[in-house]
Amino acid sequence: MEKREAIVQGAVTRLRPVLLTAMTTILGTLPMALSHTSGSEWRNPLAISLLGGLTATTLLTLFIIPIIYSLFEKASFKKPKTAV
């Protein structure tokens, strides 16, 4: 299997589990982030930072890391030309 094809297939395979786990946590903390009840001034910053972090790391996991992997893999594993 070619390297690019393996990267794409791995990203497609991991898409559903990563999205499901991230979305359940994001949707679960959404009420805490939007709450205006007493004591919410302590919980809102935690929920907002959690939402931002999960969103950013989900995008990194699904899109940016495979792209960076393919770029570094191309750069670091080139075969040197041998003189014959």
PDB file of N, CA and C in Angstrom:
ATOM      1  N   MET A   1       0.843  -1.169   0.000  1.00  0.00           N
ATOM      2  CA  MET A   1       0.000   0.000   0.000  1.00  0.00           C
ATOM      3  C   MET A   1       0.897   1.245   0.000  1.00  0.00           C
ATOM      4  N   GLU A   2       0.522   2.225  -0.780  1.00  0.00           N
ATOM      5  CA  GLU A   2       1.298   3.459  -0.820  1.00  0.00           C
ATOM      6  C   GLU A   2       1.115   4.250   0.474  1.00  0.00           C
ATOM      7  N   LYS A   3       2.105   5.097   0.764  1.00  0.00           N
ATOM      8  CA  LYS A   3       2.072   5.844   2.019  1.00  0.00           C
ATOM      9  C   LYS A   3       0.893   6.803   2.078  1.00  0.00           C
ATOM     10  N   ARG A   4       0.637   7.502   0.988  1.00  0.00           N
ATOM     11  CA  ARG A   4      -0.481   8.458   0.975  1.00  0.00           C
ATOM     12  C   ARG A   4      -1.808   7.730   1.156  1.00  0.00           C
ATOM     13  N   GLU A   5      -1.952   6.616   0.491  1.00  0.00           N
ATOM     14  CA  GLU A   5      -3.184   5.832   0.619  1.00  0.00           C
ATOM     15  C   GLU A   5      -3.356   5.314   2.053  1.00  0.00           C
ATOM     16  N   ALA A   6      -2.257   4.899   2.680  1.00  0.00           N
ATOM     17  CA  ALA A   6      -2.324   4.429   4.068  1.00  0.00           C
ATOM     18  C   ALA A   6      -2.714   5.554   5.015  1.00  0.00           C
ATOM     19  N   ILE A   7      -2.191   6.757   4.789  1.00  0.00           N
ATOM     20  CA  ILE A   7      -2.542   7.906   5.628  1.00  0.00           C
ATOM     21  C   ILE A   7      -4.015   8.237   5.484  1.00  0.00           C
ATOM     22  N   VAL A   8      -4.513   8.261   4.251  1.00  0.00           N
ATOM     23  CA  VAL A   8      -5.924   8.575   4.022  1.00  0.00           C
ATOM     24  C   VAL A   8      -6.818   7.493   4.626  1.00  0.00           C
ATOM     25  N   GLN A   9      -6.467   6.252   4.439  1.00  0.00           N
ATOM     26  CA  GLN A   9      -7.277   5.165   4.992  1.00  0.00           C
ATOM     27  C   GLN A   9      -7.262   5.190   6.522  1.00  0.00           C
ATOM     28  N   GLY A  10      -6.126   5.493   7.130  1.00  0.00           N
ATOM     29  CA  GLY A  10      -6.054   5.594   8.578  1.00  0.00           C
ATOM     30  C   GLY A  10      -6.882   6.751   9.110  1.00  0.00           C
ATOM     31  N   ALA A  11      -6.854   7.881   8.399  1.00  0.00           N
ATOM     32  CA  ALA A  11      -7.656   9.031   8.821  1.00  0.00           C
ATOM     33  C   ALA A  11      -9.150   8.733   8.701  1.00  0.00           C
ATOM     34  N   VAL A  12      -9.546   8.053   7.638  1.00  0.00           N
ATOM     35  CA  VAL A  12     -10.960   7.697   7.462  1.00  0.00           C
ATOM     36  C   VAL A  12     -11.396   6.693   8.521  1.00  0.00           C
ATOM     37  N   THR A  13     -10.527   5.757   8.857  1.00  0.00           N
ATOM     38  CA  THR A  13     -10.850   4.749   9.858  1.00  0.00           C
ATOM     39  C   THR A  13     -11.031   5.380  11.235  1.00  0.00           C
ATOM     40  N   ARG A  14     -10.218   6.368  11.566  1.00  0.00           N
ATOM     41  CA  ARG A  14     -10.275   7.003  12.884  1.00  0.00           C
ATOM     42  C   ARG A  14     -11.299   8.126  12.967  1.00  0.00           C
ATOM     43  N   LEU A  15     -11.877   8.537  11.842  1.00  0.00           N
ATOM     44  CA  LEU A  15     -12.784   9.675  11.826  1.00  0.00           C
ATOM     45  C   LEU A  15     -13.985   9.476  12.744  1.00  0.00           C
ATOM     46  N   ARG A  16     -14.674   8.394  12.607  1.00  0.00           N
ATOM     47  CA  ARG A  16     -15.899   8.169  13.376  1.00  0.00           C
ATOM     48  C   ARG A  16     -15.652   8.052  14.886  1.00  0.00           C
ATOM     49  N   PRO A  17     -14.708   7.224  15.347  1.00  0.00           N
ATOM     50  CA  PRO A  17     -14.494   7.149  16.799  1.00  0.00           C
ATOM     51  C   PRO A  17     -14.033   8.466  17.420  1.00  0.00           C
ATOM     52  N   VAL A  18     -13.169   9.179  16.735  1.00  0.00           N
ATOM     53  CA  VAL A  18     -12.680  10.444  17.278  1.00  0.00           C
ATOM     54  C   VAL A  18     -13.811  11.462  17.341  1.00  0.00           C
ATOM     55  N   LEU A  19     -14.606  11.550  16.268  1.00  0.00           N
ATOM     56  CA  LEU A  19     -15.718  12.489  16.274  1.00  0.00           C
ATOM     57  C   LEU A  19     -16.767  12.135  17.323  1.00  0.00           C
ATOM     58  N   LEU A  20     -17.071  10.862  17.481  1.00  0.00           N
ATOM     59  CA  LEU A  20     -18.080  10.464  18.459  1.00  0.00           C
ATOM     60  C   LEU A  20     -17.649  10.783  19.884  1.00  0.00           C
ATOM     61  N   THR A  21     -16.426  10.480  20.230  1.00  0.00           N
ATOM     62  CA  THR A  21     -15.981  10.757  21.595  1.00  0.00           C
ATOM     63  C   THR A  21     -15.866  12.252  21.849  1.00  0.00           C
ATOM     64  N   ALA A  22     -15.374  12.991  20.875  1.00  0.00           N
ATOM     65  CA  ALA A  22     -15.245  14.439  21.055  1.00  0.00           C
ATOM     66  C   ALA A  22     -16.618  15.103  21.114  1.00  0.00           C
ATOM     67  N   MET A  23     -17.517  14.702  20.247  1.00  0.00           N
ATOM     68  CA  MET A  23     -18.834  15.338  20.216  1.00  0.00           C
ATOM     69  C   MET A  23     -19.644  15.039  21.474  1.00  0.00           C
ATOM     70  N   THR A  24     -19.541  13.830  22.019  1.00  0.00           N
ATOM     71  CA  THR A  24     -20.286  13.550  23.250  1.00  0.00           C
ATOM     72  C   THR A  24     -19.778  14.407  24.400  1.00  0.00           C
ATOM     73  N   THR A  25     -18.475  14.597  24.485  1.00  0.00           N
ATOM     74  CA  THR A  25     -17.932  15.434  25.548  1.00  0.00           C
ATOM     75  C   THR A  25     -18.270  16.904  25.310  1.00  0.00           C
ATOM     76  N   ILE A  26     -18.162  17.350  24.073  1.00  0.00           N
ATOM     77  CA  ILE A  26     -18.485  18.743  23.753  1.00  0.00           C
ATOM     78  C   ILE A  26     -19.959  19.026  24.042  1.00  0.00           C
ATOM     79  N   LEU A  27     -20.833  18.162  23.587  1.00  0.00           N
ATOM     80  CA  LEU A  27     -22.262  18.370  23.825  1.00  0.00           C
ATOM     81  C   LEU A  27     -22.627  18.209  25.302  1.00  0.00           C
ATOM     82  N   GLY A  28     -21.886  17.394  26.031  1.00  0.00           N
ATOM     83  CA  GLY A  28     -22.126  17.221  27.456  1.00  0.00           C
ATOM     84  C   GLY A  28     -21.713  18.420  28.281  1.00  0.00           C
ATOM     85  N   THR A  29     -20.677  19.135  27.859  1.00  0.00           N
ATOM     86  CA  THR A  29     -20.229  20.313  28.605  1.00  0.00           C
ATOM     87  C   THR A  29     -20.873  21.604  28.120  1.00  0.00           C
ATOM     88  N   LEU A  30     -21.592  21.551  27.028  1.00  0.00           N
ATOM     89  CA  LEU A  30     -22.244  22.743  26.497  1.00  0.00           C
ATOM     90  C   LEU A  30     -23.226  23.378  27.493  1.00  0.00           C
ATOM     91  N   PRO A  31     -24.088  22.597  28.179  1.00  0.00           N
ATOM     92  CA  PRO A  31     -24.958  23.223  29.175  1.00  0.00           C
ATOM     93  C   PRO A  31     -24.181  23.899  30.309  1.00  0.00           C
ATOM     94  N   MET A  32     -23.065  23.330  30.698  1.00  0.00           N
ATOM     95  CA  MET A  32     -22.257  23.929  31.755  1.00  0.00           C
ATOM     96  C   MET A  32     -21.634  25.242  31.271  1.00  0.00           C
ATOM     97  N   ALA A  33     -21.260  25.315  30.004  1.00  0.00           N
ATOM     98  CA  ALA A  33     -20.655  26.531  29.470  1.00  0.00           C
ATOM     99  C   ALA A  33     -21.687  27.640  29.292  1.00  0.00           C
ATOM    100  N   LEU A  34     -22.925  27.288  29.009  1.00  0.00           N
ATOM    101  CA  LEU A  34     -23.966  28.277  28.762  1.00  0.00           C
ATOM    102  C   LEU A  34     -24.826  28.585  29.980  1.00  0.00           C
ATOM    103  N   SER A  35     -24.544  27.974  31.094  1.00  0.00           N
ATOM    104  CA  SER A  35     -25.351  28.120  32.295  1.00  0.00           C
ATOM    105  C   SER A  35     -25.192  29.515  32.903  1.00  0.00           C
ATOM    106  N   HIS A  36     -26.298  30.023  33.472  1.00  0.00           N
ATOM    107  CA  HIS A  36     -26.273  31.313  34.165  1.00  0.00           C
ATOM    108  C   HIS A  36     -26.829  31.177  35.575  1.00  0.00           C
ATOM    109  N   THR A  37     -26.749  29.998  36.158  1.00  0.00           N
ATOM    110  CA  THR A  37     -27.245  29.771  37.513  1.00  0.00           C
ATOM    111  C   THR A  37     -26.203  30.233  38.531  1.00  0.00           C
ATOM    112  N   SER A  38     -26.567  30.152  39.791  1.00  0.00           N
ATOM    113  CA  SER A  38     -25.615  30.559  40.821  1.00  0.00           C
ATOM    114  C   SER A  38     -24.446  29.570  40.865  1.00  0.00           C
ATOM    115  N   GLY A  39     -23.261  30.098  40.975  1.00  0.00           N
ATOM    116  CA  GLY A  39     -22.062  29.272  40.971  1.00  0.00           C
ATOM    117  C   GLY A  39     -21.510  28.993  39.589  1.00  0.00           C
ATOM    118  N   SER A  40     -22.225  29.439  38.559  1.00  0.00           N
ATOM    119  CA  SER A  40     -21.754  29.154  37.203  1.00  0.00           C
ATOM    120  C   SER A  40     -20.527  29.972  36.834  1.00  0.00           C
ATOM    121  N   GLU A  41     -20.261  31.054  37.567  1.00  0.00           N
ATOM    122  CA  GLU A  41     -19.071  31.849  37.260  1.00  0.00           C
ATOM    123  C   GLU A  41     -17.793  31.070  37.535  1.00  0.00           C
ATOM    124  N   TRP A  42     -17.897  30.012  38.317  1.00  0.00           N
ATOM    125  CA  TRP A  42     -16.746  29.152  38.564  1.00  0.00           C
ATOM    126  C   TRP A  42     -16.637  28.049  37.528  1.00  0.00           C
ATOM    127  N   ARG A  43     -17.773  27.579  37.026  1.00  0.00           N
ATOM    128  CA  ARG A  43     -17.767  26.454  36.097  1.00  0.00           C
ATOM    129  C   ARG A  43     -17.649  26.879  34.631  1.00  0.00           C
ATOM    130  N   ASN A  44     -18.132  28.055  34.285  1.00  0.00           N
ATOM    131  CA  ASN A  44     -18.106  28.501  32.890  1.00  0.00           C
ATOM    132  C   ASN A  44     -16.706  28.531  32.281  1.00  0.00           C
ATOM    133  N   PRO A  45     -15.704  29.100  32.946  1.00  0.00           N
ATOM    134  CA  PRO A  45     -14.368  29.113  32.329  1.00  0.00           C
ATOM    135  C   PRO A  45     -13.809  27.713  32.076  1.00  0.00           C
ATOM    136  N   LEU A  46     -14.064  26.808  32.992  1.00  0.00           N
ATOM    137  CA  LEU A  46     -13.606  25.428  32.798  1.00  0.00           C
ATOM    138  C   LEU A  46     -14.274  24.803  31.585  1.00  0.00           C
ATOM    139  N   ALA A  47     -15.571  24.976  31.471  1.00  0.00           N
ATOM    140  CA  ALA A  47     -16.300  24.379  30.353  1.00  0.00           C
ATOM    141  C   ALA A  47     -15.890  25.007  29.025  1.00  0.00           C
ATOM    142  N   ILE A  48     -15.696  26.307  29.016  1.00  0.00           N
ATOM    143  CA  ILE A  48     -15.304  26.984  27.775  1.00  0.00           C
ATOM    144  C   ILE A  48     -13.913  26.551  27.337  1.00  0.00           C
ATOM    145  N   SER A  49     -12.987  26.451  28.271  1.00  0.00           N
ATOM    146  CA  SER A  49     -11.644  25.999  27.896  1.00  0.00           C
ATOM    147  C   SER A  49     -11.655  24.535  27.460  1.00  0.00           C
ATOM    148  N   LEU A  50     -12.491  23.729  28.078  1.00  0.00           N
ATOM    149  CA  LEU A  50     -12.632  22.333  27.666  1.00  0.00           C
ATOM    150  C   LEU A  50     -13.188  22.225  26.253  1.00  0.00           C
ATOM    151  N   LEU A  51     -14.202  23.037  25.947  1.00  0.00           N
ATOM    152  CA  LEU A  51     -14.772  23.039  24.604  1.00  0.00           C
ATOM    153  C   LEU A  51     -13.746  23.471  23.559  1.00  0.00           C
ATOM    154  N   GLY A  52     -13.006  24.521  23.852  1.00  0.00           N
ATOM    155  CA  GLY A  52     -11.984  24.991  22.910  1.00  0.00           C
ATOM    156  C   GLY A  52     -10.867  23.977  22.710  1.00  0.00           C
ATOM    157  N   GLY A  53     -10.434  23.370  23.800  1.00  0.00           N
ATOM    158  CA  GLY A  53      -9.367  22.377  23.701  1.00  0.00           C
ATOM    159  C   GLY A  53      -9.788  21.141  22.936  1.00  0.00           C
ATOM    160  N   LEU A  54     -10.989  20.650  23.208  1.00  0.00           N
ATOM    161  CA  LEU A  54     -11.468  19.471  22.485  1.00  0.00           C
ATOM    162  C   LEU A  54     -11.676  19.747  21.006  1.00  0.00           C
ATOM    163  N   THR A  55     -12.185  20.919  20.693  1.00  0.00           N
ATOM    164  CA  THR A  55     -12.373  21.273  19.283  1.00  0.00           C
ATOM    165  C   THR A  55     -11.032  21.358  18.563  1.00  0.00           C
ATOM    166  N   ALA A  56     -10.077  22.017  19.191  1.00  0.00           N
ATOM    167  CA  ALA A  56      -8.758  22.163  18.574  1.00  0.00           C
ATOM    168  C   ALA A  56      -8.051  20.822  18.415  1.00  0.00           C
ATOM    169  N   THR A  57      -8.074  19.991  19.449  1.00  0.00           N
ATOM    170  CA  THR A  57      -7.372  18.712  19.345  1.00  0.00           C
ATOM    171  C   THR A  57      -8.074  17.743  18.398  1.00  0.00           C
ATOM    172  N   THR A  58      -9.385  17.857  18.273  1.00  0.00           N
ATOM    173  CA  THR A  58     -10.089  17.017  17.297  1.00  0.00           C
ATOM    174  C   THR A  58      -9.667  17.390  15.886  1.00  0.00           C
ATOM    175  N   LEU A  59      -9.601  18.677  15.602  1.00  0.00           N
ATOM    176  CA  LEU A  59      -9.152  19.109  14.274  1.00  0.00           C
ATOM    177  C   LEU A  59      -7.698  18.718  14.032  1.00  0.00           C
ATOM    178  N   LEU A  60      -6.860  18.843  15.067  1.00  0.00           N
ATOM    179  CA  LEU A  60      -5.464  18.425  14.931  1.00  0.00           C
ATOM    180  C   LEU A  60      -5.357  16.935  14.641  1.00  0.00           C
ATOM    181  N   THR A  61      -6.109  16.137  15.373  1.00  0.00           N
ATOM    182  CA  THR A  61      -6.035  14.686  15.217  1.00  0.00           C
ATOM    183  C   THR A  61      -6.496  14.239  13.844  1.00  0.00           C
ATOM    184  N   LEU A  62      -7.548  14.840  13.348  1.00  0.00           N
ATOM    185  CA  LEU A  62      -8.138  14.361  12.097  1.00  0.00           C
ATOM    186  C   LEU A  62      -7.495  14.939  10.845  1.00  0.00           C
ATOM    187  N   PHE A  63      -6.993  16.166  10.921  1.00  0.00           N
ATOM    188  CA  PHE A  63      -6.515  16.813   9.701  1.00  0.00           C
ATOM    189  C   PHE A  63      -5.042  17.203   9.737  1.00  0.00           C
ATOM    190  N   ILE A  64      -4.626  17.895  10.756  1.00  0.00           N
ATOM    191  CA  ILE A  64      -3.286  18.476  10.766  1.00  0.00           C
ATOM    192  C   ILE A  64      -2.197  17.429  10.972  1.00  0.00           C
ATOM    193  N   ILE A  65      -2.363  16.521  11.912  1.00  0.00           N
ATOM    194  CA  ILE A  65      -1.336  15.516  12.186  1.00  0.00           C
ATOM    195  C   ILE A  65      -1.083  14.594  10.992  1.00  0.00           C
ATOM    196  N   PRO A  66      -2.113  14.100  10.283  1.00  0.00           N
ATOM    197  CA  PRO A  66      -1.801  13.305   9.083  1.00  0.00           C
ATOM    198  C   PRO A  66      -1.055  14.099   8.007  1.00  0.00           C
ATOM    199  N   ILE A  67      -1.378  15.384   7.874  1.00  0.00           N
ATOM    200  CA  ILE A  67      -0.673  16.212   6.893  1.00  0.00           C
ATOM    201  C   ILE A  67       0.784  16.393   7.305  1.00  0.00           C
ATOM    202  N   ILE A  68       1.018  16.696   8.572  1.00  0.00           N
ATOM    203  CA  ILE A  68       2.390  16.867   9.053  1.00  0.00           C
ATOM    204  C   ILE A  68       3.165  15.558   8.947  1.00  0.00           C
ATOM    205  N   TYR A  69       2.509  14.455   9.258  1.00  0.00           N
ATOM    206  CA  TYR A  69       3.167  13.152   9.132  1.00  0.00           C
ATOM    207  C   TYR A  69       3.611  12.906   7.699  1.00  0.00           C
ATOM    208  N   SER A  70       2.742  13.188   6.743  1.00  0.00           N
ATOM    209  CA  SER A  70       3.111  12.938   5.348  1.00  0.00           C
ATOM    210  C   SER A  70       4.246  13.855   4.909  1.00  0.00           C
ATOM    211  N   LEU A  71       4.276  15.097   5.404  1.00  0.00           N
ATOM    212  CA  LEU A  71       5.363  16.008   5.042  1.00  0.00           C
ATOM    213  C   LEU A  71       6.689  15.569   5.653  1.00  0.00           C
ATOM    214  N   PHE A  72       6.687  15.212   6.949  1.00  0.00           N
ATOM    215  CA  PHE A  72       7.925  14.764   7.590  1.00  0.00           C
ATOM    216  C   PHE A  72       8.386  13.426   7.039  1.00  0.00           C
ATOM    217  N   GLU A  73       7.471  12.564   6.707  1.00  0.00           N
ATOM    218  CA  GLU A  73       7.832  11.254   6.179  1.00  0.00           C
ATOM    219  C   GLU A  73       8.520  11.403   4.822  1.00  0.00           C
ATOM    220  N   LYS A  74       8.043  12.334   4.007  1.00  0.00           N
ATOM    221  CA  LYS A  74       8.678  12.575   2.711  1.00  0.00           C
ATOM    222  C   LYS A  74      10.077  13.143   2.891  1.00  0.00           C
ATOM    223  N   ALA A  75      10.238  14.022   3.864  1.00  0.00           N
ATOM    224  CA  ALA A  75      11.521  14.702   4.047  1.00  0.00           C
ATOM    225  C   ALA A  75      12.564  13.812   4.707  1.00  0.00           C
ATOM    226  N   SER A  76      12.173  12.939   5.624  1.00  0.00           N
ATOM    227  CA  SER A  76      13.176  12.235   6.415  1.00  0.00           C
ATOM    228  C   SER A  76      13.559  10.860   5.881  1.00  0.00           C
ATOM    229  N   PHE A  77      12.792  10.306   4.986  1.00  0.00           N
ATOM    230  CA  PHE A  77      13.097   8.953   4.529  1.00  0.00           C
ATOM    231  C   PHE A  77      13.467   8.879   3.050  1.00  0.00           C
ATOM    232  N   LYS A  78      13.982   9.953   2.515  1.00  0.00           N
ATOM    233  CA  LYS A  78      14.453   9.919   1.129  1.00  0.00           C
ATOM    234  C   LYS A  78      15.744   9.108   1.082  1.00  0.00           C
ATOM    235  N   LYS A  79      15.835   8.262   0.108  1.00  0.00           N
ATOM    236  CA  LYS A  79      17.034   7.433  -0.034  1.00  0.00           C
ATOM    237  C   LYS A  79      18.156   8.263  -0.652  1.00  0.00           C
ATOM    238  N   PRO A  80      19.326   8.218  -0.063  1.00  0.00           N
ATOM    239  CA  PRO A  80      20.446   8.961  -0.646  1.00  0.00           C
ATOM    240  C   PRO A  80      20.920   8.270  -1.928  1.00  0.00           C
ATOM    241  N   LYS A  81      21.339   9.081  -2.881  1.00  0.00           N
ATOM    242  CA  LYS A  81      21.846   8.518  -4.120  1.00  0.00           C
ATOM    243  C   LYS A  81      23.260   7.980  -3.880  1.00  0.00           C
ATOM    244  N   THR A  82      23.486   6.780  -4.341  1.00  0.00           N
ATOM    245  CA  THR A  82      24.808   6.184  -4.176  1.00  0.00           C
ATOM    246  C   THR A  82      25.569   6.264  -5.490  1.00  0.00           C
ATOM    247  N   ALA A  83      26.819   6.554  -5.383  1.00  0.00           N
ATOM    248  CA  ALA A  83      27.670   6.649  -6.570  1.00  0.00           C
ATOM    249  C   ALA A  83      28.156   5.237  -6.944  1.00  0.00           C
ATOM    250  N   VAL A  84      27.966   4.891  -8.188  1.00  0.00           N
ATOM    251  CA  VAL A  84      28.382   3.567  -8.645  1.00  0.00           C
ATOM    252  C   VAL A  84      29.520   3.690  -9.622  1.00  0.00           C
TER     253      VAL A  84
END
